[in-house]
Protein backbone atom coordinates (compact mmCIF):
# COMPACT_ATOMS: atom_id res chain seq x y z
CA MET A 1 -3.22 -32.87 -8.16
CA ARG A 2 -4.64 -34.54 -5.34
CA LEU A 3 -6.62 -37.92 -6.14
CA LEU A 4 -9.82 -37.62 -4.77
CA CYS A 5 -10.07 -40.89 -3.72
CA SER A 6 -7.11 -40.60 -1.11
CA CYS A 7 -9.37 -38.24 0.60
CA PHE A 8 -12.54 -39.42 0.58
CA PRO A 9 -13.14 -43.12 1.70
CA PHE A 10 -15.95 -44.23 -0.86
CA ALA A 11 -17.38 -47.50 -0.03
CA ASP A 12 -17.15 -50.47 -2.71
CA HIS A 13 -20.63 -51.85 -3.07
CA ASP A 14 -20.33 -55.31 -4.42
CA GLU A 15 -17.62 -55.85 -1.55
CA GLU A 16 -20.44 -54.69 0.91
CA ASP A 17 -22.85 -56.55 -0.38
CA GLN A 18 -20.41 -60.29 0.01
CA LEU A 19 -19.81 -59.70 3.94
CA PRO A 20 -21.35 -62.06 6.36
CA ALA A 21 -24.84 -61.25 7.96
CA SER A 22 -23.44 -61.29 11.42
CA ARG A 23 -20.64 -59.01 10.88
CA PRO A 24 -21.93 -55.40 11.03
CA VAL A 25 -20.78 -52.91 8.22
CA GLU A 26 -18.67 -50.46 9.24
CA LYS A 27 -19.18 -46.92 8.31
CA PRO A 28 -16.20 -44.75 6.81
CA PRO A 29 -14.87 -42.32 9.57
CA ALA A 30 -16.12 -38.86 9.35
CA GLU A 31 -13.41 -36.99 7.65
CA THR A 32 -11.75 -33.90 9.91
CA PRO A 33 -10.16 -31.03 7.98
CA SER A 34 -6.31 -31.33 7.78
CA PRO A 35 -3.78 -28.67 9.37
CA HIS A 36 -2.51 -28.58 5.49
CA ASP A 37 -6.39 -28.16 4.31
CA SER A 38 -6.95 -25.26 6.69
CA THR A 39 -3.29 -23.60 6.27
CA SER A 40 -3.86 -23.84 2.43
CA SER A 41 -7.53 -22.18 2.68
CA GLN A 42 -5.81 -19.43 5.02
CA THR A 43 -2.78 -18.85 2.13
CA GLN A 44 -5.22 -18.59 -0.62
CA SER A 45 -7.51 -16.10 1.29
CA LEU A 46 -4.33 -13.93 1.89
CA LEU A 47 -3.40 -14.27 -1.52
CA LYS A 48 -6.18 -12.09 -2.84
CA TRP A 49 -4.79 -8.98 -1.59
CA ILE A 50 -1.39 -9.55 -3.29
CA PRO A 51 -1.18 -8.53 -7.01
CA PRO A 52 0.28 -11.44 -8.99
CA THR A 53 2.67 -9.38 -10.82
CA LEU A 54 4.81 -8.77 -7.73
CA PRO A 55 8.03 -10.76 -7.43
CA PRO A 56 7.78 -14.03 -5.36
CA GLN A 57 10.49 -12.48 -2.82
CA THR A 58 7.84 -9.48 -2.48
CA ALA A 59 4.56 -11.90 -2.17
CA SER A 60 6.21 -14.10 0.15
CA ALA A 61 7.27 -11.07 2.78
CA LEU A 62 3.72 -10.11 2.22
CA LEU A 63 2.27 -12.85 3.04
CA ASN A 64 4.28 -13.44 6.30
CA GLU A 65 3.40 -9.77 7.63
CA LEU A 66 -0.41 -10.81 6.77
CA ALA A 67 -0.18 -14.23 8.44
CA LYS A 68 0.92 -12.34 11.83
CA PRO A 69 -1.69 -11.09 14.53
CA ILE A 70 -2.23 -7.84 14.61
CA SER A 71 -0.97 -6.08 17.48
CA GLU A 72 -3.64 -4.75 20.41
CA ALA A 73 -1.12 -1.63 20.31
CA ASP A 74 -1.86 -0.60 17.22
CA GLU A 75 -3.15 2.85 16.61
CA ASP A 76 -5.49 4.26 14.22
CA GLY A 77 -4.06 7.20 12.04
CA PHE A 78 -3.39 8.38 8.35
CA ILE A 79 -1.27 7.11 5.54
CA TYR A 80 -0.14 10.16 3.64
CA MET A 81 1.70 10.70 0.14
CA PHE A 82 4.06 13.50 0.11
CA TRP A 83 6.22 14.80 -2.84
CA VAL A 84 9.92 15.64 -2.08
CA THR A 85 11.44 18.54 -3.72
CA PRO A 86 14.90 20.20 -3.05
CA ALA A 87 14.76 23.11 -1.19
CA ASP A 88 18.08 24.33 -2.78
CA ALA A 89 18.27 27.36 -4.66
CA ALA A 90 20.42 25.83 -7.44
CA SER A 91 17.47 23.13 -7.72
CA PRO A 92 14.88 23.61 -10.37
CA LYS A 93 12.12 26.38 -9.43
CA GLY A 94 15.14 27.96 -7.39
CA GLY A 95 13.86 25.52 -4.22
CA ALA A 96 10.09 26.41 -4.66
CA PRO A 97 7.80 23.88 -3.65
CA PRO A 98 5.48 22.54 -6.34
CA PRO A 99 1.88 24.11 -5.57
CA GLY A 100 -0.97 21.90 -4.18
CA GLU A 101 -3.03 22.27 -7.20
CA ILE A 102 0.13 20.53 -9.11
CA ALA A 103 0.77 17.77 -6.66
CA SER A 104 -2.86 17.12 -6.59
CA ALA A 105 -3.09 16.82 -10.63
CA LEU A 106 -0.49 14.06 -10.30
CA LEU A 107 -3.80 11.32 -9.19
CA PRO A 108 -6.84 10.85 -10.64
CA SER A 109 -9.81 12.59 -9.43
CA PRO A 110 -12.31 10.83 -7.44
CA ASN A 111 -14.04 8.41 -8.87
CA GLY A 112 -11.72 7.96 -11.57
CA LYS A 113 -13.18 10.88 -13.51
CA SER A 114 -10.72 12.60 -15.78
CA ARG A 115 -10.51 16.60 -14.67
CA ARG A 116 -12.17 18.60 -17.98
CA ALA A 117 -9.48 20.92 -18.88
CA SER A 118 -8.59 22.00 -22.46
CA ASP A 119 -5.60 20.69 -24.26
CA ALA A 120 -3.54 23.17 -24.29
CA GLN A 121 -4.43 23.47 -20.06
CA ASN A 122 -3.74 19.98 -19.32
CA GLN A 123 -0.29 20.69 -21.83
CA ASN A 124 0.67 23.40 -19.78
CA GLN A 125 0.00 21.41 -16.60
CA THR A 126 2.20 18.83 -17.68
CA GLN A 127 5.24 20.99 -18.29
CA THR A 128 4.94 22.78 -14.97
CA GLN A 129 4.93 19.65 -13.17
CA ASN A 130 7.95 18.24 -14.91
CA GLN A 131 9.89 21.13 -13.60
CA TYR A 132 9.68 19.79 -10.53
CA PHE A 133 10.78 16.15 -11.13
CA THR A 134 13.56 15.70 -9.25
CA GLY A 135 14.23 12.03 -8.21
CA SER A 136 17.94 10.93 -8.47
CA ASN A 137 17.31 9.82 -11.96
CA PRO A 138 15.88 11.42 -15.17
CA GLY A 139 12.04 11.65 -15.32
CA THR A 140 11.46 10.08 -11.98
CA ILE A 141 9.52 12.01 -8.71
CA ARG A 142 10.21 11.32 -5.23
CA LEU A 143 7.66 9.87 -2.58
CA LYS A 144 7.70 10.19 0.79
CA ILE A 145 5.21 7.64 2.28
CA GLY A 146 4.38 7.08 5.60
CA ARG A 147 2.14 7.05 8.74
CA THR A 148 0.74 9.91 10.91
CA SER A 149 -1.74 11.01 13.41
CA ASN A 150 -1.38 14.32 12.27
CA VAL A 151 -0.94 15.07 8.89
CA GLN A 152 -0.58 19.18 8.88
CA ARG A 153 1.72 18.47 12.44
CA ARG A 154 3.82 16.20 10.10
CA LEU A 155 4.38 18.55 7.62
CA ASN A 156 5.22 21.37 9.86
CA GLU A 157 7.43 18.97 11.70
CA TRP A 158 9.50 17.90 8.18
CA THR A 159 9.82 21.94 7.53
CA ARG A 160 11.40 22.46 10.47
CA GLN A 161 14.10 19.46 10.45
CA CYS A 162 14.89 19.00 6.70
CA SER A 163 16.16 21.06 3.77
CA HIS A 164 13.89 19.23 1.27
CA ASN A 165 10.14 20.39 0.83
CA LEU A 166 7.39 18.51 1.33
CA THR A 167 4.16 18.84 -0.66
CA LEU A 168 0.79 16.76 0.21
CA ILE A 169 -0.33 14.69 -3.10
CA ARG A 170 -2.96 12.56 -0.91
CA TYR A 171 -3.60 11.42 2.19
CA TYR A 172 -6.13 8.05 3.10
CA PRO A 173 -8.40 7.40 3.91
CA TYR A 174 -8.89 9.26 1.06
CA THR A 175 -11.50 12.28 0.99
CA PRO A 176 -11.80 14.83 -2.07
CA ASN A 177 -10.57 17.56 0.28
CA SER A 178 -7.81 15.80 1.15
CA VAL A 179 -5.48 18.20 -0.34
CA SER A 180 -7.44 21.31 0.43
CA SER A 181 -7.82 20.57 4.08
CA PRO A 182 -5.49 17.83 5.77
CA PRO A 183 -6.38 16.68 9.32
CA GLY A 184 -4.94 18.86 12.26
CA ASN A 185 -5.37 18.99 15.72
CA GLY A 186 -8.95 17.89 17.11
CA SER A 187 -9.97 16.80 13.66
CA GLN A 188 -12.47 14.19 13.14
CA ALA A 189 -11.47 12.92 10.03
CA LYS A 190 -11.80 9.01 9.57
CA LYS A 191 -8.90 7.07 10.17
CA VAL A 192 -6.94 3.89 8.84
CA PRO A 193 -7.23 0.99 11.31
CA HIS A 194 -3.88 -0.56 12.74
CA VAL A 195 -1.55 2.07 10.91
CA HIS A 196 1.35 0.59 11.69
CA ARG A 197 0.35 -2.66 9.96
CA VAL A 198 -0.69 -0.82 6.88
CA GLU A 199 2.54 1.18 6.48
CA ARG A 200 4.25 -1.54 6.90
CA LEU A 201 2.46 -3.87 3.76
CA ILE A 202 2.79 -0.54 1.84
CA HIS A 203 6.51 -0.08 2.45
CA ILE A 204 7.03 -4.05 1.45
CA GLU A 205 5.40 -4.19 -1.91
CA LEU A 206 6.95 -0.91 -2.88
CA GLY A 207 10.24 -2.36 -1.53
CA ASP A 208 11.73 -2.36 -4.85
CA LYS A 209 10.95 1.57 -5.45
CA ARG A 210 12.23 2.89 -2.30
CA VAL A 211 15.40 5.32 -2.51
CA LYS A 212 18.43 3.62 -0.76
CA GLY A 213 22.17 4.30 0.07
CA LEU A 214 21.47 8.32 0.92
CA GLY A 215 23.30 7.67 4.52
CA PRO A 216 21.93 10.09 7.52
CA CYS A 217 20.11 13.18 6.27
CA LYS A 218 22.59 16.35 6.64
CA ASP A 219 20.02 18.45 8.65
CA CYS A 220 18.05 15.90 10.68
CA GLY A 221 20.94 13.32 10.83
CA LYS A 222 18.41 10.59 10.50
CA GLU A 223 18.54 7.84 7.17
CA HIS A 224 14.90 8.60 5.47
CA ARG A 225 13.60 5.00 4.87
CA GLU A 226 10.10 6.59 3.71
CA TRP A 227 11.21 7.80 0.61
CA PHE A 228 10.53 6.31 -2.97
CA GLU A 229 11.21 6.92 -6.28
CA VAL A 230 8.96 6.32 -9.30
CA ALA A 231 8.72 7.14 -13.16
CA ALA A 232 7.26 10.58 -13.43
CA LYS A 233 4.15 9.60 -14.98
CA LYS A 234 0.42 9.33 -13.89
CA GLU A 235 0.54 5.29 -14.59
CA GLU A 236 3.67 4.89 -12.35
CA LEU A 237 1.81 7.00 -9.50
CA ARG A 238 -1.57 5.38 -9.97
CA LYS A 239 -0.33 2.10 -9.33
CA VAL A 240 1.38 3.67 -5.96
CA ASP A 241 -2.04 4.90 -5.02
CA GLU A 242 -3.98 1.81 -5.85
CA CYS A 243 -1.30 -0.26 -3.30
CA ILE A 244 -1.91 2.32 -0.67
CA ARG A 245 -5.75 2.09 -1.17
CA ARG A 246 -5.78 -1.40 -1.19
CA TRP A 247 -3.98 -1.92 1.99
CA VAL A 248 -6.23 0.40 3.55
CA ASP A 249 -8.79 -1.57 2.54
CA TRP A 250 -7.18 -4.51 3.63
CA ALA A 251 -7.38 -2.93 7.35
CA GLU A 252 -10.80 -1.65 7.40
CA LYS A 253 -12.06 -5.34 6.47
CA HIS A 254 -9.78 -6.48 9.42
CA LYS A 255 -10.86 -4.00 12.37
């Protein structure tokens, strides 16, 4: 802890009274902010965006990314969260993608309100969801999280290039019709500012959930670096949703 007296030069009134009359009393020099104080203040401001529960290495990487200037070439766009399931006929449900209503039910409805449904309906819905959970580990779900300027076009491109199904769970900025009508060509939907930076921040925070070691895709030849795997629980998916929302909010405040 810094001692107050090392930063603020207070005058000692007893000594001041003993100075000769012919000697002017010197005023303490005006304090100027030090570079250290400025850096510390900036760091504290940035830390407000970083959950305290993250590992130190992740928090440090986020701080470094936040401290970088935003490129003027960074574009506006959308952040998407897709559910990745195999298209293999031998996979659960015969390779059919999960329906949109099943995917959208994985996350809370708008305003955090629970959907009204009977216990039987909720149980049936959960059982149906479980049949599609196809992460590399039992009881997990695989997500593809990235950026695009056109959500519908990205879905179409994926269909042509890879042997996995993508089902849209949500895109951001989130609106109530995020699943029923993903933005396509000519869409006037609101976009995320600095979408490249936002994607980077999301990927850093979710780094420990990234799927690794898959190698190049047998269909498109690329290594899928946007795949993440989490426990197939609403609470875990809610955390991913909160992460994305928070960095989208950061971008909105740094237009």
